[in-house]
């Protein structure tokens, strides 16, 4: 069963800023960051209990 992932509204702004930051440091790094994010989100959907609950039923997954 695939779980639905919900991001806070502020996440879109932070994500765009992070992509720009990485891309400013090297061409293609922004895209690599997005690939890393996609991989973590997919893993979180498949294995949500591997990630700690931080508030209510919200879990936190940290990117490398």
PDB file of N, CA and C in Angstrom:
ATOM      1  N   UNK A   1       0.836  -1.185   0.000  1.00  0.00           N
ATOM      2  CA  UNK A   1       0.000   0.000   0.000  1.00  0.00           C
ATOM      3  C   UNK A   1       0.881   1.248   0.000  1.00  0.00           C
ATOM      4  N   UNK A   2       0.656   2.126  -0.933  1.00  0.00           N
ATOM      5  CA  UNK A   2       1.428   3.356  -1.034  1.00  0.00           C
ATOM      6  C   UNK A   2       0.784   4.430  -0.169  1.00  0.00           C
ATOM      7  N   UNK A   3       1.583   5.056   0.639  1.00  0.00           N
ATOM      8  CA  UNK A   3       1.103   6.125   1.521  1.00  0.00           C
ATOM      9  C   UNK A   3       1.143   7.458   0.795  1.00  0.00           C
ATOM     10  N   UNK A   4       0.254   8.342   1.186  1.00  0.00           N
ATOM     11  CA  UNK A   4       0.222   9.690   0.635  1.00  0.00           C
ATOM     12  C   UNK A   4       1.195  10.550   1.428  1.00  0.00           C
ATOM     13  N   UNK A   5       2.040  11.270   0.740  1.00  0.00           N
ATOM     14  CA  UNK A   5       3.007  12.167   1.371  1.00  0.00           C
ATOM     15  C   UNK A   5       2.457  13.587   1.276  1.00  0.00           C
ATOM     16  N   UNK A   6       2.444  14.283   2.397  1.00  0.00           N
ATOM     17  CA  UNK A   6       1.945  15.654   2.429  1.00  0.00           C
ATOM     18  C   UNK A   6       3.079  16.557   2.888  1.00  0.00           C
ATOM     19  N   UNK A   7       3.348  17.596   2.122  1.00  0.00           N
ATOM     20  CA  UNK A   7       4.359  18.587   2.470  1.00  0.00           C
ATOM     21  C   UNK A   7       3.674  19.857   2.939  1.00  0.00           C
ATOM     22  N   UNK A   8       4.297  20.539   3.865  1.00  0.00           N
ATOM     23  CA  UNK A   8       3.779  21.835   4.296  1.00  0.00           C
ATOM     24  C   UNK A   8       3.898  22.817   3.137  1.00  0.00           C
ATOM     25  N   UNK A   9       3.033  23.837   3.101  1.00  0.00           N
ATOM     26  CA  UNK A   9       3.105  24.821   2.007  1.00  0.00           C
ATOM     27  C   UNK A   9       4.469  25.495   1.897  1.00  0.00           C
ATOM     28  N   UNK A  10       5.133  25.722   3.024  1.00  0.00           N
ATOM     29  CA  UNK A  10       6.443  26.378   3.008  1.00  0.00           C
ATOM     30  C   UNK A  10       7.492  25.514   2.314  1.00  0.00           C
ATOM     31  N   UNK A  11       7.236  24.232   2.206  1.00  0.00           N
ATOM     32  CA  UNK A  11       8.217  23.324   1.613  1.00  0.00           C
ATOM     33  C   UNK A  11       8.491  23.660   0.151  1.00  0.00           C
ATOM     34  N   UNK A  12       7.480  24.113  -0.587  1.00  0.00           N
ATOM     35  CA  UNK A  12       7.685  24.454  -2.000  1.00  0.00           C
ATOM     36  C   UNK A  12       8.699  25.587  -2.142  1.00  0.00           C
ATOM     37  N   UNK A  13       8.583  26.599  -1.301  1.00  0.00           N
ATOM     38  CA  UNK A  13       9.519  27.718  -1.338  1.00  0.00           C
ATOM     39  C   UNK A  13      10.915  27.261  -0.945  1.00  0.00           C
ATOM     40  N   UNK A  14      11.006  26.493   0.134  1.00  0.00           N
ATOM     41  CA  UNK A  14      12.306  26.005   0.593  1.00  0.00           C
ATOM     42  C   UNK A  14      12.944  25.090  -0.440  1.00  0.00           C
ATOM     43  N   UNK A  15      12.138  24.275  -1.099  1.00  0.00           N
ATOM     44  CA  UNK A  15      12.653  23.373  -2.119  1.00  0.00           C
ATOM     45  C   UNK A  15      13.237  24.161  -3.293  1.00  0.00           C
ATOM     46  N   UNK A  16      12.506  25.158  -3.762  1.00  0.00           N
ATOM     47  CA  UNK A  16      13.006  25.987  -4.870  1.00  0.00           C
ATOM     48  C   UNK A  16      14.304  26.685  -4.488  1.00  0.00           C
ATOM     49  N   UNK A  17      14.376  27.187  -3.265  1.00  0.00           N
ATOM     50  CA  UNK A  17      15.597  27.853  -2.795  1.00  0.00           C
ATOM     51  C   UNK A  17      16.764  26.868  -2.716  1.00  0.00           C
ATOM     52  N   UNK A  18      16.488  25.662  -2.250  1.00  0.00           N
ATOM     53  CA  UNK A  18      17.544  24.651  -2.145  1.00  0.00           C
ATOM     54  C   UNK A  18      18.059  24.248  -3.525  1.00  0.00           C
ATOM     55  N   UNK A  19      17.151  24.065  -4.477  1.00  0.00           N
ATOM     56  CA  UNK A  19      17.560  23.706  -5.840  1.00  0.00           C
ATOM     57  C   UNK A  19      18.436  24.813  -6.421  1.00  0.00           C
ATOM     58  N   UNK A  20      18.009  26.053  -6.246  1.00  0.00           N
ATOM     59  CA  UNK A  20      18.806  27.190  -6.750  1.00  0.00           C
ATOM     60  C   UNK A  20      20.180  27.237  -6.077  1.00  0.00           C
ATOM     61  N   UNK A  21      20.233  26.998  -4.769  1.00  0.00           N
ATOM     62  CA  UNK A  21      21.493  27.021  -4.031  1.00  0.00           C
ATOM     63  C   UNK A  21      22.455  25.970  -4.570  1.00  0.00           C
ATOM     64  N   UNK A  22      21.963  24.745  -4.740  1.00  0.00           N
ATOM     65  CA  UNK A  22      22.823  23.680  -5.265  1.00  0.00           C
ATOM     66  C   UNK A  22      23.248  23.963  -6.704  1.00  0.00           C
ATOM     67  N   UNK A  23      22.336  24.456  -7.503  1.00  0.00           N
ATOM     68  CA  UNK A  23      22.653  24.720  -8.906  1.00  0.00           C
ATOM     69  C   UNK A  23      23.691  25.835  -9.025  1.00  0.00           C
ATOM     70  N   UNK A  24      23.674  26.807  -8.111  1.00  0.00           N
ATOM     71  CA  UNK A  24      24.659  27.894  -8.115  1.00  0.00           C
ATOM     72  C   UNK A  24      26.059  27.378  -7.786  1.00  0.00           C
ATOM     73  N   UNK A  25      26.143  26.238  -7.131  1.00  0.00           N
ATOM     74  CA  UNK A  25      27.425  25.656  -6.761  1.00  0.00           C
ATOM     75  C   UNK A  25      27.963  24.675  -7.801  1.00  0.00           C
ATOM     76  N   UNK A  26      27.115  24.278  -8.708  1.00  0.00           N
ATOM     77  CA  UNK A  26      27.577  23.389  -9.770  1.00  0.00           C
ATOM     78  C   UNK A  26      26.432  22.966 -10.666  1.00  0.00           C
ATOM     79  N   UNK A  27      26.664  23.034 -11.958  1.00  0.00           N
ATOM     80  CA  UNK A  27      25.635  22.666 -12.910  1.00  0.00           C
ATOM     81  C   UNK A  27      25.211  21.214 -12.691  1.00  0.00           C
ATOM     82  N   UNK A  28      23.916  21.015 -12.566  1.00  0.00           N
ATOM     83  CA  UNK A  28      23.378  19.672 -12.390  1.00  0.00           C
ATOM     84  C   UNK A  28      23.168  19.274 -10.935  1.00  0.00           C
ATOM     85  N   UNK A  29      23.725  20.043  -9.991  1.00  0.00           N
ATOM     86  CA  UNK A  29      23.561  19.691  -8.583  1.00  0.00           C
ATOM     87  C   UNK A  29      22.120  19.872  -8.109  1.00  0.00           C
ATOM     88  N   UNK A  30      21.414  20.843  -8.676  1.00  0.00           N
ATOM     89  CA  UNK A  30      20.000  21.032  -8.326  1.00  0.00           C
ATOM     90  C   UNK A  30      19.176  19.823  -8.739  1.00  0.00           C
ATOM     91  N   UNK A  31      19.440  19.306  -9.924  1.00  0.00           N
ATOM     92  CA  UNK A  31      18.730  18.115 -10.399  1.00  0.00           C
ATOM     93  C   UNK A  31      19.089  16.894  -9.551  1.00  0.00           C
ATOM     94  N   UNK A  32      20.340  16.796  -9.150  1.00  0.00           N
ATOM     95  CA  UNK A  32      20.769  15.688  -8.286  1.00  0.00           C
ATOM     96  C   UNK A  32      20.062  15.760  -6.934  1.00  0.00           C
ATOM     97  N   UNK A  33      19.917  16.960  -6.409  1.00  0.00           N
ATOM     98  CA  UNK A  33      19.184  17.153  -5.157  1.00  0.00           C
ATOM     99  C   UNK A  33      17.745  16.670  -5.310  1.00  0.00           C
ATOM    100  N   UNK A  34      17.091  17.029  -6.417  1.00  0.00           N
ATOM    101  CA  UNK A  34      15.708  16.591  -6.645  1.00  0.00           C
ATOM    102  C   UNK A  34      15.611  15.075  -6.778  1.00  0.00           C
ATOM    103  N   UNK A  35      16.594  14.451  -7.419  1.00  0.00           N
ATOM    104  CA  UNK A  35      16.601  12.982  -7.517  1.00  0.00           C
ATOM    105  C   UNK A  35      16.729  12.353  -6.130  1.00  0.00           C
ATOM    106  N   UNK A  36      17.563  12.938  -5.291  1.00  0.00           N
ATOM    107  CA  UNK A  36      17.714  12.441  -3.920  1.00  0.00           C
ATOM    108  C   UNK A  36      16.406  12.577  -3.147  1.00  0.00           C
ATOM    109  N   UNK A  37      15.750  13.703  -3.318  1.00  0.00           N
ATOM    110  CA  UNK A  37      14.464  13.922  -2.658  1.00  0.00           C
ATOM    111  C   UNK A  37      13.436  12.897  -3.126  1.00  0.00           C
ATOM    112  N   UNK A  38      13.352  12.688  -4.430  1.00  0.00           N
ATOM    113  CA  UNK A  38      12.412  11.707  -4.974  1.00  0.00           C
ATOM    114  C   UNK A  38      12.670  10.317  -4.410  1.00  0.00           C
ATOM    115  N   UNK A  39      13.933   9.945  -4.277  1.00  0.00           N
ATOM    116  CA  UNK A  39      14.283   8.623  -3.752  1.00  0.00           C
ATOM    117  C   UNK A  39      13.847   8.479  -2.295  1.00  0.00           C
ATOM    118  N   UNK A  40      14.075   9.521  -1.494  1.00  0.00           N
ATOM    119  CA  UNK A  40      13.682   9.468  -0.086  1.00  0.00           C
ATOM    120  C   UNK A  40      12.157   9.426   0.050  1.00  0.00           C
ATOM    121  N   UNK A  41      11.461  10.201  -0.757  1.00  0.00           N
ATOM    122  CA  UNK A  41       9.999  10.198  -0.706  1.00  0.00           C
ATOM    123  C   UNK A  41       9.463   8.816  -1.085  1.00  0.00           C
ATOM    124  N   UNK A  42      10.016   8.212  -2.117  1.00  0.00           N
ATOM    125  CA  UNK A  42       9.576   6.875  -2.528  1.00  0.00           C
ATOM    126  C   UNK A  42       9.837   5.860  -1.412  1.00  0.00           C
ATOM    127  N   UNK A  43      10.997   5.951  -0.782  1.00  0.00           N
ATOM    128  CA  UNK A  43      11.325   5.032   0.312  1.00  0.00           C
ATOM    129  C   UNK A  43      10.387   5.264   1.499  1.00  0.00           C
ATOM    130  N   UNK A  44      10.100   6.503   1.797  1.00  0.00           N
ATOM    131  CA  UNK A  44       9.186   6.841   2.880  1.00  0.00           C
ATOM    132  C   UNK A  44       7.792   6.289   2.609  1.00  0.00           C
ATOM    133  N   UNK A  45       7.342   6.361   1.370  1.00  0.00           N
ATOM    134  CA  UNK A  45       6.028   5.826   1.027  1.00  0.00           C
ATOM    135  C   UNK A  45       5.977   4.314   1.230  1.00  0.00           C
ATOM    136  N   UNK A  46       7.047   3.632   0.886  1.00  0.00           N
ATOM    137  CA  UNK A  46       7.077   2.166   1.012  1.00  0.00           C
ATOM    138  C   UNK A  46       7.322   1.709   2.446  1.00  0.00           C
ATOM    139  N   UNK A  47       8.088   2.483   3.212  1.00  0.00           N
ATOM    140  CA  UNK A  47       8.518   2.059   4.557  1.00  0.00           C
ATOM    141  C   UNK A  47       8.368   3.187   5.576  1.00  0.00           C
ATOM    142  N   UNK A  48       7.171   3.679   5.806  1.00  0.00           N
ATOM    143  CA  UNK A  48       7.020   4.845   6.681  1.00  0.00           C
ATOM    144  C   UNK A  48       7.467   4.602   8.121  1.00  0.00           C
ATOM    145  N   UNK A  49       7.373   3.387   8.607  1.00  0.00           N
ATOM    146  CA  UNK A  49       7.724   3.149  10.007  1.00  0.00           C
ATOM    147  C   UNK A  49       9.228   3.188  10.264  1.00  0.00           C
ATOM    148  N   UNK A  50      10.022   3.260   9.212  1.00  0.00           N
ATOM    149  CA  UNK A  50      11.472   3.381   9.387  1.00  0.00           C
ATOM    150  C   UNK A  50      11.891   4.785   9.801  1.00  0.00           C
ATOM    151  N   UNK A  51      10.975   5.736   9.666  1.00  0.00           N
ATOM    152  CA  UNK A  51      11.286   7.133   9.954  1.00  0.00           C
ATOM    153  C   UNK A  51      10.594   7.553  11.249  1.00  0.00           C
ATOM    154  N   UNK A  52      11.258   8.376  12.060  1.00  0.00           N
ATOM    155  CA  UNK A  52      10.701   8.740  13.365  1.00  0.00           C
ATOM    156  C   UNK A  52       9.503   9.686  13.260  1.00  0.00           C
ATOM    157  N   UNK A  53       8.564   9.488  14.172  1.00  0.00           N
ATOM    158  CA  UNK A  53       7.445  10.424  14.305  1.00  0.00           C
ATOM    159  C   UNK A  53       7.986  11.643  15.052  1.00  0.00           C
ATOM    160  N   UNK A  54       7.680  12.827  14.516  1.00  0.00           N
ATOM    161  CA  UNK A  54       8.185  14.051  15.134  1.00  0.00           C
ATOM    162  C   UNK A  54       7.072  14.886  15.750  1.00  0.00           C
ATOM    163  N   UNK A  55       5.846  14.675  15.302  1.00  0.00           N
ATOM    164  CA  UNK A  55       4.710  15.421  15.848  1.00  0.00           C
ATOM    165  C   UNK A  55       3.435  14.754  15.362  1.00  0.00           C
ATOM    166  N   UNK A  56       2.555  14.414  16.271  1.00  0.00           N
ATOM    167  CA  UNK A  56       1.297  13.767  15.879  1.00  0.00           C
ATOM    168  C   UNK A  56       1.593  12.503  15.107  1.00  0.00           C
ATOM    169  N   UNK A  57       1.177  12.467  13.842  1.00  0.00           N
ATOM    170  CA  UNK A  57       1.507  11.323  12.981  1.00  0.00           C
ATOM    171  C   UNK A  57       2.481  11.717  11.873  1.00  0.00           C
ATOM    172  N   UNK A  58       3.128  12.889  12.033  1.00  0.00           N
ATOM    173  CA  UNK A  58       4.099  13.366  11.044  1.00  0.00           C
ATOM    174  C   UNK A  58       5.453  12.705  11.292  1.00  0.00           C
ATOM    175  N   UNK A  59       6.082  12.277  10.203  1.00  0.00           N
ATOM    176  CA  UNK A  59       7.397  11.655  10.287  1.00  0.00           C
ATOM    177  C   UNK A  59       8.416  12.527   9.583  1.00  0.00           C
ATOM    178  N   UNK A  60       9.678  12.351   9.939  1.00  0.00           N
ATOM    179  CA  UNK A  60      10.750  13.153   9.329  1.00  0.00           C
ATOM    180  C   UNK A  60      11.729  12.227   8.624  1.00  0.00           C
ATOM    181  N   UNK A  61      12.005  12.564   7.382  1.00  0.00           N
ATOM    182  CA  UNK A  61      13.029  11.870   6.616  1.00  0.00           C
ATOM    183  C   UNK A  61      14.080  12.899   6.230  1.00  0.00           C
ATOM    184  N   UNK A  62      15.320  12.624   6.542  1.00  0.00           N
ATOM    185  CA  UNK A  62      16.419  13.554   6.276  1.00  0.00           C
ATOM    186  C   UNK A  62      17.179  13.108   5.033  1.00  0.00           C
ATOM    187  N   UNK A  63      17.444  14.062   4.158  1.00  0.00           N
ATOM    188  CA  UNK A  63      18.230  13.776   2.952  1.00  0.00           C
ATOM    189  C   UNK A  63      19.708  13.734   3.304  1.00  0.00           C
ATOM    190  N   UNK A  64      20.446  12.940   2.555  1.00  0.00           N
ATOM    191  CA  UNK A  64      21.904  12.914   2.737  1.00  0.00           C
ATOM    192  C   UNK A  64      22.539  14.017   1.938  1.00  0.00           C
TER     193      UNK A  64
END
